[in-house]
Amino acid sequence: MSDRVVAVVGATGAVGRTMRAILESRSFPLGSLRLLASARSAGLVVDTRWGEVEVEDLSSADPGGIDIALFSAGGDRSRGHAPTFAEAGAVVIDNSSAFRMDPSVPLIVAGVNDAAVGSHRGIIANPNCTTMALMMAAGPLHRAAGLRTMVATSYQSVSGSGQQGVVELIEQTDLLRPDLESMMTGGWEDPSPTLYARPIGFNVLPYAGSETEQGYTDEEWKLVNESRKILDLPDLLVEPTCVRVPTLVGHGVAASLRFERPIDPDEAVEILGSAPGVQVWTDKVPTPLDSAGIDDVLVGRVRPTLGQPGGINLWVVGDNLRKGAALNAVQIAELL
């Protein structure tokens, strides 16, 4: 039995609960588990594989003795507490966007750029869930043929916005369902969304995230900047569009990839078929429902580019709560 102490910070949230479940299912070698969350959850007792664990208040907890801390508590809490944990001797694996673009912090997709783990100075960043899924396909192809350009359109589930996104979709679906005929003729009643700018029930929002520079959202800039950092390609040309769709879990990305040398679908399928954590589906189209609850990222519809031959068009989809967040964090801990 290991004497390693592992902490899950944000332990009562969706990703934190998934982190705990994955630690258990993968028999992660630890001696004791600590669970930390906001004061609202402090005092809860959770039954785990390592015994009953009482949830601690993050704001007053002593990080001493923790070897690895898996953070999924939001950017503000990460900025406020992750450096303290690192100074106390823990290696922090952070799921927020707080440190992703810090040049001193490695941004890791396990199975794609594992070697970068060795450069950490106490904090390692988990990429955005949409970028993560795409990199599982783009990374192996880049190693084989040298990626140059990428046009990517995401189809992101509401769970990417947290539990509030799930609630808003369900509420709007229930509200709009009785009047489906009117919806088809433009007579629907606006359900007054609170989280999203426009209704998500029975709808598609070509605007995931918050607007930042040049009319692009923060989600779109994450696709640009995080892809460049993960692949160590500062000049990679990326054209992103991020879309929110009325699905509960699973982020999909339709991508057009061009390389330093021509690559055909047969070679791409062979490369992806041997990549860790990837399933290539050639007999049917993978969907978000197929990806829900599984560790692997699913790739399908691998086709040659048409306008300028030599590139690859493909579809990739992954569970945004697992490989897109919790699983990758645990895999980074395994690399450590």
C-alpha atoms as a PDB file:
ATOM      1  CA  MET A   1       0.000   0.000   0.000  1.00  0.00           C
ATOM      2  CA  SER A   2       1.298   3.425  -0.967  1.00  0.00           C
ATOM      3  CA  ASP A   3       1.604   6.162   1.657  1.00  0.00           C
ATOM      4  CA  ARG A   4       0.834   8.782  -0.987  1.00  0.00           C
ATOM      5  CA  VAL A   5      -1.782  11.384   0.025  1.00  0.00           C
ATOM      6  CA  VAL A   6      -4.091  12.555  -2.754  1.00  0.00           C
ATOM      7  CA  ALA A   7      -6.588  15.398  -2.402  1.00  0.00           C
ATOM      8  CA  VAL A   8      -9.590  16.223  -4.558  1.00  0.00           C
ATOM      9  CA  VAL A   9     -10.388  19.932  -4.368  1.00  0.00           C
ATOM     10  CA  GLY A  10     -13.931  20.742  -5.448  1.00  0.00           C
ATOM     11  CA  ALA A  11     -14.797  17.212  -4.399  1.00  0.00           C
ATOM     12  CA  THR A  12     -18.584  17.631  -4.312  1.00  0.00           C
ATOM     13  CA  GLY A  13     -18.959  19.080  -7.833  1.00  0.00           C
ATOM     14  CA  ALA A  14     -19.658  17.001 -10.948  1.00  0.00           C
ATOM     15  CA  VAL A  15     -16.018  16.783 -12.033  1.00  0.00           C
ATOM     16  CA  GLY A  16     -14.780  16.284  -8.470  1.00  0.00           C
ATOM     17  CA  ARG A  17     -17.152  13.365  -7.939  1.00  0.00           C
ATOM     18  CA  THR A  18     -16.024  11.880 -11.248  1.00  0.00           C
ATOM     19  CA  MET A  19     -12.368  12.292 -10.223  1.00  0.00           C
ATOM     20  CA  ARG A  20     -13.040  10.339  -7.050  1.00  0.00           C
ATOM     21  CA  ALA A  21     -14.852   7.579  -8.955  1.00  0.00           C
ATOM     22  CA  ILE A  22     -12.002   7.296 -11.485  1.00  0.00           C
ATOM     23  CA  LEU A  23      -9.369   7.118  -8.734  1.00  0.00           C
ATOM     24  CA  GLU A  24     -11.328   4.178  -7.348  1.00  0.00           C
ATOM     25  CA  SER A  25     -12.016   2.400 -10.641  1.00  0.00           C
ATOM     26  CA  ARG A  26      -8.371   2.675 -11.761  1.00  0.00           C
ATOM     27  CA  SER A  27      -7.074   1.514  -8.353  1.00  0.00           C
ATOM     28  CA  PHE A  28      -4.880   4.582  -8.056  1.00  0.00           C
ATOM     29  CA  PRO A  29      -2.048   3.821  -5.598  1.00  0.00           C
ATOM     30  CA  LEU A  30      -2.674   6.086  -2.638  1.00  0.00           C
ATOM     31  CA  GLY A  31      -2.517   5.679   1.085  1.00  0.00           C
ATOM     32  CA  SER A  32      -5.155   8.212   2.041  1.00  0.00           C
ATOM     33  CA  LEU A  33      -7.636  10.496   0.336  1.00  0.00           C
ATOM     34  CA  ARG A  34      -8.590  14.024   1.341  1.00  0.00           C
ATOM     35  CA  LEU A  35     -11.698  15.759   0.019  1.00  0.00           C
ATOM     36  CA  LEU A  36     -11.971  19.548   0.051  1.00  0.00           C
ATOM     37  CA  ALA A  37     -14.786  21.853  -1.049  1.00  0.00           C
ATOM     38  CA  SER A  38     -16.496  25.095  -0.122  1.00  0.00           C
ATOM     39  CA  ALA A  39     -17.759  25.775   3.387  1.00  0.00           C
ATOM     40  CA  ARG A  40     -21.238  24.787   2.213  1.00  0.00           C
ATOM     41  CA  SER A  41     -20.133  21.167   1.748  1.00  0.00           C
ATOM     42  CA  ALA A  42     -17.710  20.969   4.683  1.00  0.00           C
ATOM     43  CA  GLY A  43     -18.598  18.266   7.175  1.00  0.00           C
ATOM     44  CA  LEU A  44     -20.191  15.888   4.705  1.00  0.00           C
ATOM     45  CA  VAL A  45     -18.966  12.333   5.126  1.00  0.00           C
ATOM     46  CA  VAL A  46     -18.293  10.420   1.905  1.00  0.00           C
ATOM     47  CA  ASP A  47     -17.896   6.644   1.697  1.00  0.00           C
ATOM     48  CA  THR A  48     -14.857   5.830  -0.470  1.00  0.00           C
ATOM     49  CA  ARG A  49     -12.717   2.828  -1.318  1.00  0.00           C
ATOM     50  CA  TRP A  50     -10.267   4.120   1.285  1.00  0.00           C
ATOM     51  CA  GLY A  51     -12.868   4.456   4.020  1.00  0.00           C
ATOM     52  CA  GLU A  52     -15.174   7.260   5.112  1.00  0.00           C
ATOM     53  CA  VAL A  53     -13.737  10.701   4.385  1.00  0.00           C
ATOM     54  CA  GLU A  54     -15.064  13.961   5.814  1.00  0.00           C
ATOM     55  CA  VAL A  55     -15.135  16.901   3.405  1.00  0.00           C
ATOM     56  CA  GLU A  56     -12.887  19.754   4.570  1.00  0.00           C
ATOM     57  CA  ASP A  57     -13.428  23.476   4.097  1.00  0.00           C
ATOM     58  CA  LEU A  58     -10.937  24.552   1.431  1.00  0.00           C
ATOM     59  CA  SER A  59     -10.603  28.053   2.834  1.00  0.00           C
ATOM     60  CA  SER A  60      -9.212  26.833   6.166  1.00  0.00           C
ATOM     61  CA  ALA A  61      -7.665  23.460   5.304  1.00  0.00           C
ATOM     62  CA  ASP A  62      -3.958  22.810   5.871  1.00  0.00           C
ATOM     63  CA  PRO A  63      -2.395  21.532   2.606  1.00  0.00           C
ATOM     64  CA  GLY A  64       0.597  20.073   4.423  1.00  0.00           C
ATOM     65  CA  GLY A  65       1.298  16.413   3.698  1.00  0.00           C
ATOM     66  CA  ILE A  66      -0.599  16.304   0.389  1.00  0.00           C
ATOM     67  CA  ASP A  67       1.408  14.779  -2.460  1.00  0.00           C
ATOM     68  CA  ILE A  68      -1.006  15.308  -5.374  1.00  0.00           C
ATOM     69  CA  ALA A  69      -3.986  17.689  -5.438  1.00  0.00           C
ATOM     70  CA  LEU A  70      -6.600  17.358  -8.173  1.00  0.00           C
ATOM     71  CA  PHE A  71      -8.296  20.760  -8.460  1.00  0.00           C
ATOM     72  CA  SER A  72     -11.732  21.307  -9.985  1.00  0.00           C
ATOM     73  CA  ALA A  73     -12.989  24.241  -7.990  1.00  0.00           C
ATOM     74  CA  GLY A  74     -13.101  27.051 -10.570  1.00  0.00           C
ATOM     75  CA  GLY A  75     -10.518  29.561 -11.718  1.00  0.00           C
ATOM     76  CA  ASP A  76     -10.782  31.951  -8.777  1.00  0.00           C
ATOM     77  CA  ARG A  77     -10.279  29.231  -6.162  1.00  0.00           C
ATOM     78  CA  SER A  78      -7.434  27.743  -8.194  1.00  0.00           C
ATOM     79  CA  ARG A  79      -5.653  31.096  -8.396  1.00  0.00           C
ATOM     80  CA  GLY A  80      -6.208  31.616  -4.684  1.00  0.00           C
ATOM     81  CA  HIS A  81      -5.232  28.184  -3.373  1.00  0.00           C
ATOM     82  CA  ALA A  82      -3.196  26.197  -5.940  1.00  0.00           C
ATOM     83  CA  PRO A  83       0.067  28.141  -5.323  1.00  0.00           C
ATOM     84  CA  THR A  84      -0.324  27.574  -1.580  1.00  0.00           C
ATOM     85  CA  PHE A  85      -0.742  23.836  -2.089  1.00  0.00           C
ATOM     86  CA  ALA A  86       2.294  23.775  -4.387  1.00  0.00           C
ATOM     87  CA  GLU A  87       4.398  25.701  -1.865  1.00  0.00           C
ATOM     88  CA  ALA A  88       3.394  23.133   0.785  1.00  0.00           C
ATOM     89  CA  GLY A  89       4.827  20.357  -1.393  1.00  0.00           C
ATOM     90  CA  ALA A  90       1.867  19.121  -3.418  1.00  0.00           C
ATOM     91  CA  VAL A  91       1.800  18.774  -7.184  1.00  0.00           C
ATOM     92  CA  VAL A  92      -1.409  20.512  -8.261  1.00  0.00           C
ATOM     93  CA  ILE A  93      -3.266  19.267 -11.335  1.00  0.00           C
ATOM     94  CA  ASP A  94      -5.701  22.050 -12.115  1.00  0.00           C
ATOM     95  CA  ASN A  95      -8.824  21.671 -14.237  1.00  0.00           C
ATOM     96  CA  SER A  96      -9.593  25.393 -14.569  1.00  0.00           C
ATOM     97  CA  SER A  97      -8.288  27.886 -17.111  1.00  0.00           C
ATOM     98  CA  ALA A  98      -6.301  29.754 -14.434  1.00  0.00           C
ATOM     99  CA  PHE A  99      -2.824  28.505 -15.380  1.00  0.00           C
ATOM    100  CA  ARG A 100      -3.218  27.014 -18.861  1.00  0.00           C
ATOM    101  CA  MET A 101      -1.413  29.766 -20.719  1.00  0.00           C
ATOM    102  CA  ASP A 102       1.213  30.413 -18.049  1.00  0.00           C
ATOM    103  CA  PRO A 103       4.493  29.623 -19.841  1.00  0.00           C
ATOM    104  CA  SER A 104       5.900  28.031 -16.671  1.00  0.00           C
ATOM    105  CA  VAL A 105       2.967  25.601 -16.347  1.00  0.00           C
ATOM    106  CA  PRO A 106       2.781  22.529 -18.612  1.00  0.00           C
ATOM    107  CA  LEU A 107      -0.564  21.932 -20.336  1.00  0.00           C
ATOM    108  CA  ILE A 108      -0.989  18.184 -20.652  1.00  0.00           C
ATOM    109  CA  VAL A 109      -3.202  15.838 -22.653  1.00  0.00           C
ATOM    110  CA  ALA A 110      -2.261  12.396 -21.385  1.00  0.00           C
ATOM    111  CA  GLY A 111      -1.343  10.258 -24.369  1.00  0.00           C
ATOM    112  CA  VAL A 112      -0.420  13.277 -26.513  1.00  0.00           C
ATOM    113  CA  ASN A 113       2.351  15.287 -24.809  1.00  0.00           C
ATOM    114  CA  ASP A 114       3.229  13.222 -21.742  1.00  0.00           C
ATOM    115  CA  ALA A 115       6.894  14.264 -21.705  1.00  0.00           C
ATOM    116  CA  ALA A 116       5.945  17.840 -20.786  1.00  0.00           C
ATOM    117  CA  VAL A 117       4.915  16.646 -17.317  1.00  0.00           C
ATOM    118  CA  GLY A 118       8.573  16.643 -16.318  1.00  0.00           C
ATOM    119  CA  SER A 119       8.830  20.421 -16.674  1.00  0.00           C
ATOM    120  CA  HIS A 120       6.319  21.238 -13.930  1.00  0.00           C
ATOM    121  CA  ARG A 121       7.160  23.527 -11.014  1.00  0.00           C
ATOM    122  CA  GLY A 122       4.364  22.384  -8.765  1.00  0.00           C
ATOM    123  CA  ILE A 123       1.343  23.099 -10.983  1.00  0.00           C
ATOM    124  CA  ILE A 124       0.137  21.249 -14.093  1.00  0.00           C
ATOM    125  CA  ALA A 125      -2.846  22.441 -16.136  1.00  0.00           C
ATOM    126  CA  ASN A 126      -5.647  20.345 -17.624  1.00  0.00           C
ATOM    127  CA  PRO A 127      -6.781  21.676 -21.038  1.00  0.00           C
ATOM    128  CA  ASN A 128     -10.256  22.799 -21.981  1.00  0.00           C
ATOM    129  CA  CYS A 129     -12.564  19.817 -22.553  1.00  0.00           C
ATOM    130  CA  THR A 130     -13.182  20.645 -26.231  1.00  0.00           C
ATOM    131  CA  THR A 131      -9.499  21.106 -27.004  1.00  0.00           C
ATOM    132  CA  MET A 132      -8.798  17.856 -25.170  1.00  0.00           C
ATOM    133  CA  ALA A 133     -11.032  15.745 -27.414  1.00  0.00           C
ATOM    134  CA  LEU A 134      -9.634  17.272 -30.595  1.00  0.00           C
ATOM    135  CA  MET A 135      -6.012  16.864 -29.500  1.00  0.00           C
ATOM    136  CA  MET A 136      -6.526  13.126 -29.006  1.00  0.00           C
ATOM    137  CA  ALA A 137      -6.976  12.902 -32.784  1.00  0.00           C
ATOM    138  CA  ALA A 138      -4.829  15.805 -33.965  1.00  0.00           C
ATOM    139  CA  GLY A 139      -1.823  14.870 -31.802  1.00  0.00           C
ATOM    140  CA  PRO A 140      -1.090  11.433 -33.320  1.00  0.00           C
ATOM    141  CA  LEU A 141      -1.661  12.776 -36.844  1.00  0.00           C
ATOM    142  CA  HIS A 142       0.667  15.699 -36.154  1.00  0.00           C
ATOM    143  CA  ARG A 143       3.443  13.379 -35.002  1.00  0.00           C
ATOM    144  CA  ALA A 144       3.095  11.425 -38.240  1.00  0.00           C
ATOM    145  CA  ALA A 145       2.694  14.188 -40.811  1.00  0.00           C
ATOM    146  CA  GLY A 146       3.279  17.611 -39.206  1.00  0.00           C
ATOM    147  CA  LEU A 147       0.072  19.591 -38.619  1.00  0.00           C
ATOM    148  CA  ARG A 148      -0.029  23.038 -40.266  1.00  0.00           C
ATOM    149  CA  THR A 149      -3.647  24.256 -40.267  1.00  0.00           C
ATOM    150  CA  MET A 150      -6.844  23.325 -38.480  1.00  0.00           C
ATOM    151  CA  VAL A 151     -10.433  24.453 -39.037  1.00  0.00           C
ATOM    152  CA  ALA A 152     -12.506  23.276 -36.087  1.00  0.00           C
ATOM    153  CA  THR A 153     -16.197  23.622 -35.243  1.00  0.00           C
ATOM    154  CA  SER A 154     -17.272  22.324 -31.851  1.00  0.00           C
ATOM    155  CA  TYR A 155     -20.654  20.968 -30.775  1.00  0.00           C
ATOM    156  CA  GLN A 156     -20.556  21.342 -26.998  1.00  0.00           C
ATOM    157  CA  SER A 157     -23.019  19.813 -24.543  1.00  0.00           C
ATOM    158  CA  VAL A 158     -24.696  21.844 -21.814  1.00  0.00           C
ATOM    159  CA  SER A 159     -22.843  19.988 -19.030  1.00  0.00           C
ATOM    160  CA  GLY A 160     -19.800  21.960 -20.171  1.00  0.00           C
ATOM    161  CA  SER A 161     -21.509  24.901 -18.457  1.00  0.00           C
ATOM    162  CA  GLY A 162     -21.969  22.941 -15.239  1.00  0.00           C
ATOM    163  CA  GLN A 163     -25.146  21.737 -13.589  1.00  0.00           C
ATOM    164  CA  GLN A 164     -26.879  25.041 -14.371  1.00  0.00           C
ATOM    165  CA  GLY A 165     -26.577  24.297 -18.090  1.00  0.00           C
ATOM    166  CA  VAL A 166     -28.195  20.891 -17.637  1.00  0.00           C
ATOM    167  CA  VAL A 167     -31.035  22.395 -15.611  1.00  0.00           C
ATOM    168  CA  GLU A 168     -31.662  25.141 -18.178  1.00  0.00           C
ATOM    169  CA  LEU A 169     -31.865  22.655 -21.058  1.00  0.00           C
ATOM    170  CA  ILE A 170     -34.289  20.371 -19.208  1.00  0.00           C
ATOM    171  CA  GLU A 171     -36.491  23.249 -18.056  1.00  0.00           C
ATOM    172  CA  GLN A 172     -36.676  24.797 -21.523  1.00  0.00           C
ATOM    173  CA  THR A 173     -37.355  21.432 -23.166  1.00  0.00           C
ATOM    174  CA  ASP A 174     -40.251  20.811 -20.782  1.00  0.00           C
ATOM    175  CA  LEU A 175     -41.581  24.330 -21.353  1.00  0.00           C
ATOM    176  CA  LEU A 176     -41.407  24.220 -25.150  1.00  0.00           C
ATOM    177  CA  ARG A 177     -42.443  20.587 -25.769  1.00  0.00           C
ATOM    178  CA  PRO A 178     -46.241  21.166 -25.571  1.00  0.00           C
ATOM    179  CA  ASP A 179     -46.079  23.679 -28.430  1.00  0.00           C
ATOM    180  CA  LEU A 180     -43.855  21.921 -30.964  1.00  0.00           C
ATOM    181  CA  GLU A 181     -46.095  22.783 -33.926  1.00  0.00           C
ATOM    182  CA  SER A 182     -45.911  26.497 -33.144  1.00  0.00           C
ATOM    183  CA  MET A 183     -42.139  26.238 -32.820  1.00  0.00           C
ATOM    184  CA  MET A 184     -41.921  24.935 -36.392  1.00  0.00           C
ATOM    185  CA  THR A 185     -43.797  27.978 -37.700  1.00  0.00           C
ATOM    186  CA  GLY A 186     -42.055  30.621 -35.607  1.00  0.00           C
ATOM    187  CA  GLY A 187     -44.802  31.001 -33.019  1.00  0.00           C
ATOM    188  CA  TRP A 188     -42.840  29.780 -30.018  1.00  0.00           C
ATOM    189  CA  GLU A 189     -42.722  31.669 -26.735  1.00  0.00           C
ATOM    190  CA  ASP A 190     -39.256  32.741 -25.581  1.00  0.00           C
ATOM    191  CA  PRO A 191     -38.476  30.712 -22.419  1.00  0.00           C
ATOM    192  CA  SER A 192     -36.371  33.580 -21.007  1.00  0.00           C
ATOM    193  CA  PRO A 193     -32.960  31.931 -20.691  1.00  0.00           C
ATOM    194  CA  THR A 194     -30.805  32.849 -17.709  1.00  0.00           C
ATOM    195  CA  LEU A 195     -27.486  31.108 -18.397  1.00  0.00           C
ATOM    196  CA  TYR A 196     -27.281  31.320 -22.182  1.00  0.00           C
ATOM    197  CA  ALA A 197     -27.849  34.343 -24.399  1.00  0.00           C
ATOM    198  CA  ARG A 198     -30.563  32.533 -26.388  1.00  0.00           C
ATOM    199  CA  PRO A 199     -32.793  29.488 -25.749  1.00  0.00           C
ATOM    200  CA  ILE A 200     -30.999  26.116 -25.800  1.00  0.00           C
ATOM    201  CA  GLY A 201     -34.068  23.865 -25.699  1.00  0.00           C
ATOM    202  CA  PHE A 202     -34.676  22.411 -29.214  1.00  0.00           C
ATOM    203  CA  ASN A 203     -32.111  24.915 -30.452  1.00  0.00           C
ATOM    204  CA  VAL A 204     -28.446  25.425 -31.390  1.00  0.00           C
ATOM    205  CA  LEU A 205     -26.369  28.392 -30.232  1.00  0.00           C
ATOM    206  CA  PRO A 206     -23.416  29.227 -32.488  1.00  0.00           C
ATOM    207  CA  TYR A 207     -21.861  31.077 -29.580  1.00  0.00           C
ATOM    208  CA  ALA A 208     -20.337  28.977 -26.781  1.00  0.00           C
ATOM    209  CA  GLY A 209     -18.554  30.995 -24.132  1.00  0.00           C
ATOM    210  CA  SER A 210     -18.174  34.746 -23.659  1.00  0.00           C
ATOM    211  CA  GLU A 211     -17.138  37.238 -26.327  1.00  0.00           C
ATOM    212  CA  THR A 212     -13.566  38.469 -26.144  1.00  0.00           C
ATOM    213  CA  GLU A 213     -11.246  39.689 -28.909  1.00  0.00           C
ATOM    214  CA  GLN A 214     -12.248  40.209 -32.557  1.00  0.00           C
ATOM    215  CA  GLY A 215     -15.748  38.828 -32.018  1.00  0.00           C
ATOM    216  CA  TYR A 216     -14.473  35.385 -30.918  1.00  0.00           C
ATOM    217  CA  THR A 217     -15.498  33.765 -27.648  1.00  0.00           C
ATOM    218  CA  ASP A 218     -13.148  32.629 -24.902  1.00  0.00           C
ATOM    219  CA  GLU A 219     -13.991  29.028 -25.837  1.00  0.00           C
ATOM    220  CA  GLU A 220     -12.801  29.694 -29.390  1.00  0.00           C
ATOM    221  CA  TRP A 221      -9.575  31.309 -28.252  1.00  0.00           C
ATOM    222  CA  LYS A 222      -8.945  28.287 -26.004  1.00  0.00           C
ATOM    223  CA  LEU A 223      -9.066  26.080 -29.104  1.00  0.00           C
ATOM    224  CA  VAL A 224      -6.482  28.330 -30.753  1.00  0.00           C
ATOM    225  CA  ASN A 225      -4.046  28.966 -27.922  1.00  0.00           C
ATOM    226  CA  GLU A 226      -4.244  25.652 -26.082  1.00  0.00           C
ATOM    227  CA  SER A 227      -3.808  23.624 -29.287  1.00  0.00           C
ATOM    228  CA  ARG A 228      -0.659  25.588 -30.097  1.00  0.00           C
ATOM    229  CA  LYS A 229       0.774  25.040 -26.615  1.00  0.00           C
ATOM    230  CA  ILE A 230      -0.071  21.320 -26.351  1.00  0.00           C
ATOM    231  CA  LEU A 231       1.406  20.515 -29.764  1.00  0.00           C
ATOM    232  CA  ASP A 232       4.297  22.969 -29.315  1.00  0.00           C
ATOM    233  CA  LEU A 233       3.254  24.673 -32.561  1.00  0.00           C
ATOM    234  CA  PRO A 234       3.176  28.429 -31.899  1.00  0.00           C
ATOM    235  CA  ASP A 235       2.503  29.136 -35.582  1.00  0.00           C
ATOM    236  CA  LEU A 236      -0.340  26.637 -36.014  1.00  0.00           C
ATOM    237  CA  LEU A 237      -3.162  28.241 -38.000  1.00  0.00           C
ATOM    238  CA  VAL A 238      -6.512  27.589 -36.292  1.00  0.00           C
ATOM    239  CA  GLU A 239      -9.975  28.755 -37.409  1.00  0.00           C
ATOM    240  CA  PRO A 240     -12.423  28.028 -34.549  1.00  0.00           C
ATOM    241  CA  THR A 241     -16.200  28.169 -34.124  1.00  0.00           C
ATOM    242  CA  CYS A 242     -17.700  26.907 -30.862  1.00  0.00           C
ATOM    243  CA  VAL A 243     -21.367  25.905 -30.785  1.00  0.00           C
ATOM    244  CA  ARG A 244     -23.572  24.948 -27.827  1.00  0.00           C
ATOM    245  CA  VAL A 245     -26.012  22.140 -28.634  1.00  0.00           C
ATOM    246  CA  PRO A 246     -28.953  20.642 -26.666  1.00  0.00           C
ATOM    247  CA  THR A 247     -27.149  17.476 -25.550  1.00  0.00           C
ATOM    248  CA  LEU A 248     -26.432  16.594 -21.928  1.00  0.00           C
ATOM    249  CA  VAL A 249     -22.889  15.222 -22.169  1.00  0.00           C
ATOM    250  CA  GLY A 250     -20.220  14.732 -24.816  1.00  0.00           C
ATOM    251  CA  HIS A 251     -18.409  17.419 -26.802  1.00  0.00           C
ATOM    252  CA  GLY A 252     -17.977  16.831 -30.542  1.00  0.00           C
ATOM    253  CA  VAL A 253     -15.659  18.588 -32.976  1.00  0.00           C
ATOM    254  CA  ALA A 254     -15.750  18.565 -36.776  1.00  0.00           C
ATOM    255  CA  ALA A 255     -12.221  19.351 -37.950  1.00  0.00           C
ATOM    256  CA  SER A 256     -10.373  19.854 -41.212  1.00  0.00           C
ATOM    257  CA  LEU A 257      -6.636  19.202 -40.804  1.00  0.00           C
ATOM    258  CA  ARG A 258      -3.798  19.933 -43.239  1.00  0.00           C
ATOM    259  CA  PHE A 259      -0.233  18.720 -42.886  1.00  0.00           C
ATOM    260  CA  GLU A 260       3.321  19.239 -44.094  1.00  0.00           C
ATOM    261  CA  ARG A 261       2.903  16.209 -46.322  1.00  0.00           C
ATOM    262  CA  PRO A 262      -0.212  14.642 -47.877  1.00  0.00           C
ATOM    263  CA  ILE A 263      -2.024  12.046 -45.788  1.00  0.00           C
ATOM    264  CA  ASP A 264      -4.927   9.861 -46.940  1.00  0.00           C
ATOM    265  CA  PRO A 265      -7.818   8.395 -44.886  1.00  0.00           C
ATOM    266  CA  ASP A 266      -6.364   4.877 -44.812  1.00  0.00           C
ATOM    267  CA  GLU A 267      -3.148   6.121 -43.228  1.00  0.00           C
ATOM    268  CA  ALA A 268      -5.063   8.385 -40.839  1.00  0.00           C
ATOM    269  CA  VAL A 269      -7.275   5.500 -39.690  1.00  0.00           C
ATOM    270  CA  GLU A 270      -4.212   3.305 -39.153  1.00  0.00           C
ATOM    271  CA  ILE A 271      -2.480   6.012 -37.097  1.00  0.00           C
ATOM    272  CA  LEU A 272      -5.539   6.788 -34.989  1.00  0.00           C
ATOM    273  CA  GLY A 273      -6.381   3.113 -34.552  1.00  0.00           C
ATOM    274  CA  SER A 274      -3.116   2.574 -32.682  1.00  0.00           C
ATOM    275  CA  ALA A 275      -3.286   5.811 -30.646  1.00  0.00           C
ATOM    276  CA  PRO A 276      -3.886   5.392 -26.892  1.00  0.00           C
ATOM    277  CA  GLY A 277      -7.333   6.393 -25.674  1.00  0.00           C
ATOM    278  CA  VAL A 278      -8.846   6.577 -29.185  1.00  0.00           C
ATOM    279  CA  GLN A 279     -11.467   4.393 -30.850  1.00  0.00           C
ATOM    280  CA  VAL A 280     -11.911   4.765 -34.609  1.00  0.00           C
ATOM    281  CA  TRP A 281     -15.433   3.918 -35.744  1.00  0.00           C
ATOM    282  CA  THR A 282     -15.740   2.990 -39.408  1.00  0.00           C
ATOM    283  CA  ASP A 283     -19.009   1.050 -39.306  1.00  0.00           C
ATOM    284  CA  LYS A 284     -21.205   3.740 -37.763  1.00  0.00           C
ATOM    285  CA  VAL A 285     -21.039   7.410 -36.781  1.00  0.00           C
ATOM    286  CA  PRO A 286     -20.007   8.067 -33.150  1.00  0.00           C
ATOM    287  CA  THR A 287     -22.297  10.472 -31.279  1.00  0.00           C
ATOM    288  CA  PRO A 288     -22.271  12.200 -27.891  1.00  0.00           C
ATOM    289  CA  LEU A 289     -24.533   9.487 -26.495  1.00  0.00           C
ATOM    290  CA  ASP A 290     -21.950   6.888 -27.505  1.00  0.00           C
ATOM    291  CA  SER A 291     -19.195   8.796 -25.707  1.00  0.00           C
ATOM    292  CA  ALA A 292     -21.080   9.259 -22.435  1.00  0.00           C
ATOM    293  CA  GLY A 293     -19.491   7.440 -19.523  1.00  0.00           C
ATOM    294  CA  ILE A 294     -16.513   5.975 -21.386  1.00  0.00           C
ATOM    295  CA  ASP A 295     -12.839   6.879 -21.187  1.00  0.00           C
ATOM    296  CA  ASP A 296     -11.928   6.748 -24.881  1.00  0.00           C
ATOM    297  CA  VAL A 297     -12.413   9.519 -27.412  1.00  0.00           C
ATOM    298  CA  LEU A 298     -14.334   8.365 -30.493  1.00  0.00           C
ATOM    299  CA  VAL A 299     -13.282   9.301 -34.036  1.00  0.00           C
ATOM    300  CA  GLY A 300     -15.357   8.790 -37.160  1.00  0.00           C
ATOM    301  CA  ARG A 301     -16.146  10.145 -40.631  1.00  0.00           C
ATOM    302  CA  VAL A 302     -12.457  10.200 -41.625  1.00  0.00           C
ATOM    303  CA  ARG A 303     -12.476  11.645 -45.164  1.00  0.00           C
ATOM    304  CA  PRO A 304     -10.077  13.304 -47.603  1.00  0.00           C
ATOM    305  CA  THR A 305     -10.243  17.075 -48.019  1.00  0.00           C
ATOM    306  CA  LEU A 306     -11.909  18.116 -51.283  1.00  0.00           C
ATOM    307  CA  GLY A 307     -10.959  21.701 -52.135  1.00  0.00           C
ATOM    308  CA  GLN A 308      -7.258  21.121 -51.570  1.00  0.00           C
ATOM    309  CA  PRO A 309      -6.408  17.382 -51.553  1.00  0.00           C
ATOM    310  CA  GLY A 310      -3.946  15.907 -49.081  1.00  0.00           C
ATOM    311  CA  GLY A 311      -5.654  16.807 -45.813  1.00  0.00           C
ATOM    312  CA  ILE A 312      -8.125  15.015 -43.568  1.00  0.00           C
ATOM    313  CA  ASN A 313     -11.653  15.851 -42.428  1.00  0.00           C
ATOM    314  CA  LEU A 314     -12.882  14.007 -39.348  1.00  0.00           C
ATOM    315  CA  TRP A 315     -15.339  14.008 -36.465  1.00  0.00           C
ATOM    316  CA  VAL A 316     -14.251  13.432 -32.857  1.00  0.00           C
ATOM    317  CA  VAL A 317     -16.405  13.209 -29.734  1.00  0.00           C
ATOM    318  CA  GLY A 318     -15.584  12.590 -26.077  1.00  0.00           C
ATOM    319  CA  ASP A 319     -17.203  12.676 -22.651  1.00  0.00           C
ATOM    320  CA  ASN A 320     -16.380  16.167 -21.393  1.00  0.00           C
ATOM    321  CA  LEU A 321     -16.599  15.102 -17.744  1.00  0.00           C
ATOM    322  CA  ARG A 322     -14.214  12.155 -18.182  1.00  0.00           C
ATOM    323  CA  LYS A 323     -11.389  12.533 -20.729  1.00  0.00           C
ATOM    324  CA  GLY A 324     -12.386  16.175 -21.034  1.00  0.00           C
ATOM    325  CA  ALA A 325     -11.719  16.773 -17.336  1.00  0.00           C
ATOM    326  CA  ALA A 326     -11.553  14.186 -14.539  1.00  0.00           C
ATOM    327  CA  LEU A 327      -9.953  11.249 -16.351  1.00  0.00           C
ATOM    328  CA  ASN A 328      -7.159  13.321 -17.850  1.00  0.00           C
ATOM    329  CA  ALA A 329      -6.349  14.766 -14.433  1.00  0.00           C
ATOM    330  CA  VAL A 330      -6.052  11.282 -12.960  1.00  0.00           C
ATOM    331  CA  GLN A 331      -3.967  10.132 -15.936  1.00  0.00           C
ATOM    332  CA  ILE A 332      -1.585  13.043 -15.325  1.00  0.00           C
ATOM    333  CA  ALA A 333      -1.341  11.907 -11.691  1.00  0.00           C
ATOM    334  CA  GLU A 334      -0.494   8.422 -12.963  1.00  0.00           C
ATOM    335  CA  LEU A 335       2.271   9.907 -15.122  1.00  0.00           C
ATOM    336  CA  LEU A 336       3.688  11.585 -12.018  1.00  0.00           C
END
